[in-house]
């Protein structure tokens, strides 16, 4: 369950950025290749935040698709359900991942004091 360690890192970033101000929502961009289970992430977040200044805050996750750039034909491919790292245009396997690996804290919504 790597979600617990991720929540610890997210907590550190959010707590530092909040600088003592109350936070209601932490916005994230999470790439599909991170293989994060949303319900597990939410559960771990409540465990990490319990009895802390961020208690009661929630995570808002923007799931990012996997996008590939083919080194053979130069086409870009966005993967849908399956994670086959192949170019849809030419079928080549010489691709680079251009998105889908992110894990970013993008912003915080501050709560009313």
Protein backbone atom coordinates (compact mmCIF):
# COMPACT_ATOMS: atom_id res chain seq x y z
CA UNK A 1 0.00 0.00 0.00
CA UNK A 2 2.21 2.81 -1.28
CA UNK A 3 -0.70 5.24 -0.87
CA UNK A 4 0.17 5.65 2.82
CA UNK A 5 3.72 6.81 2.12
CA UNK A 6 2.44 9.07 -0.67
CA UNK A 7 -0.04 10.65 1.73
CA UNK A 8 2.81 11.32 4.15
CA UNK A 9 4.72 13.16 1.43
CA UNK A 10 1.61 15.06 0.31
CA UNK A 11 0.97 16.03 3.93
CA UNK A 12 4.49 17.45 4.30
CA UNK A 13 4.11 19.54 1.13
CA UNK A 14 0.62 20.79 2.00
CA UNK A 15 1.47 21.57 5.62
CA UNK A 16 4.54 23.55 4.57
CA UNK A 17 2.61 25.46 1.88
CA UNK A 18 -0.32 26.20 4.21
CA UNK A 19 2.03 27.91 6.69
CA UNK A 20 -0.38 27.43 9.58
CA UNK A 21 -3.50 28.44 7.65
CA UNK A 22 -6.47 26.03 7.62
CA UNK A 23 -6.82 23.93 4.44
CA UNK A 24 -10.04 22.42 3.08
CA UNK A 25 -8.86 20.79 -0.18
CA UNK A 26 -5.50 19.68 -1.58
CA UNK A 27 -5.58 19.44 -5.39
CA UNK A 28 -3.41 16.79 -7.03
CA UNK A 29 -2.53 15.65 -10.52
CA UNK A 30 -1.91 11.91 -10.54
CA UNK A 31 -0.79 10.03 -13.64
CA UNK A 32 -2.39 6.69 -14.41
CA UNK A 33 0.97 4.94 -14.37
CA UNK A 34 1.25 5.71 -10.64
CA UNK A 35 -1.38 2.97 -10.10
CA UNK A 36 -2.95 4.71 -7.14
CA UNK A 37 -6.25 3.34 -5.84
CA UNK A 38 -8.45 6.42 -5.18
CA UNK A 39 -10.40 4.93 -2.24
CA UNK A 40 -7.19 3.74 -0.59
CA UNK A 41 -5.60 7.16 -1.08
CA UNK A 42 -8.60 8.86 0.54
CA UNK A 43 -8.55 6.41 3.46
CA UNK A 44 -4.82 6.86 4.01
CA UNK A 45 -5.24 10.63 3.87
CA UNK A 46 -7.65 10.52 6.82
CA UNK A 47 -5.18 8.34 8.75
CA UNK A 48 -2.25 10.68 8.07
CA UNK A 49 -4.25 13.83 8.90
CA UNK A 50 -5.99 12.62 12.05
CA UNK A 51 -5.22 14.99 14.96
CA UNK A 52 -3.10 17.31 12.78
CA UNK A 53 -3.63 20.85 11.44
CA UNK A 54 -4.87 19.30 8.15
CA UNK A 55 -7.55 17.13 9.81
CA UNK A 56 -10.82 17.47 7.91
CA UNK A 57 -9.17 18.38 4.62
CA UNK A 58 -9.68 16.24 1.55
CA UNK A 59 -7.78 15.34 -1.58
CA UNK A 60 -9.14 16.29 -5.01
CA UNK A 61 -7.44 14.07 -7.59
CA UNK A 62 -7.21 14.97 -11.27
CA UNK A 63 -6.31 11.67 -12.95
CA UNK A 64 -3.96 12.22 -15.90
CA UNK A 65 -3.95 9.83 -18.87
CA UNK A 66 -0.85 8.14 -20.20
CA UNK A 67 0.45 9.87 -23.32
CA UNK A 68 3.22 8.47 -25.49
CA UNK A 69 5.41 10.03 -28.17
CA UNK A 70 6.56 7.62 -30.86
CA UNK A 71 10.26 7.92 -31.69
CA UNK A 72 9.69 6.21 -35.05
CA UNK A 73 6.76 8.07 -36.62
CA UNK A 74 6.66 11.12 -34.27
CA UNK A 75 2.95 10.65 -33.50
CA UNK A 76 1.48 11.15 -30.02
CA UNK A 77 -0.83 8.52 -28.54
CA UNK A 78 -3.12 8.81 -25.52
CA UNK A 79 -3.81 5.42 -23.95
CA UNK A 80 -7.34 4.64 -22.86
CA UNK A 81 -7.92 1.57 -20.75
CA UNK A 82 -5.06 -0.78 -21.52
CA UNK A 83 -1.49 0.15 -20.69
CA UNK A 84 0.19 -1.24 -23.81
CA UNK A 85 3.11 1.06 -24.47
CA UNK A 86 2.75 0.96 -28.25
CA UNK A 87 2.21 3.68 -30.82
CA UNK A 88 -1.36 3.58 -32.12
CA UNK A 89 -0.30 5.08 -35.46
CA UNK A 90 2.49 2.68 -36.47
CA UNK A 91 2.44 -0.04 -33.79
CA UNK A 92 6.03 0.74 -32.83
CA UNK A 93 7.36 0.14 -29.34
CA UNK A 94 10.02 2.84 -29.41
CA UNK A 95 8.02 5.37 -27.44
CA UNK A 96 8.66 7.83 -24.66
CA UNK A 97 6.08 8.54 -21.95
CA UNK A 98 5.19 12.24 -22.05
CA UNK A 99 2.48 12.19 -19.38
CA UNK A 100 0.92 9.75 -16.97
CA UNK A 101 3.73 9.48 -14.43
CA UNK A 102 2.97 12.71 -12.57
CA UNK A 103 2.23 13.09 -8.90
CA UNK A 104 1.87 16.81 -8.28
CA UNK A 105 0.33 18.93 -5.56
CA UNK A 106 -1.09 21.68 -7.77
CA UNK A 107 -2.92 23.92 -5.29
CA UNK A 108 -4.57 24.24 -1.89
CA UNK A 109 -8.02 25.60 -1.06
CA UNK A 110 -7.79 27.49 2.22
CA UNK A 111 -10.67 27.10 4.67
CA UNK A 112 -12.46 29.93 6.41
CA UNK A 113 -11.05 30.51 9.87
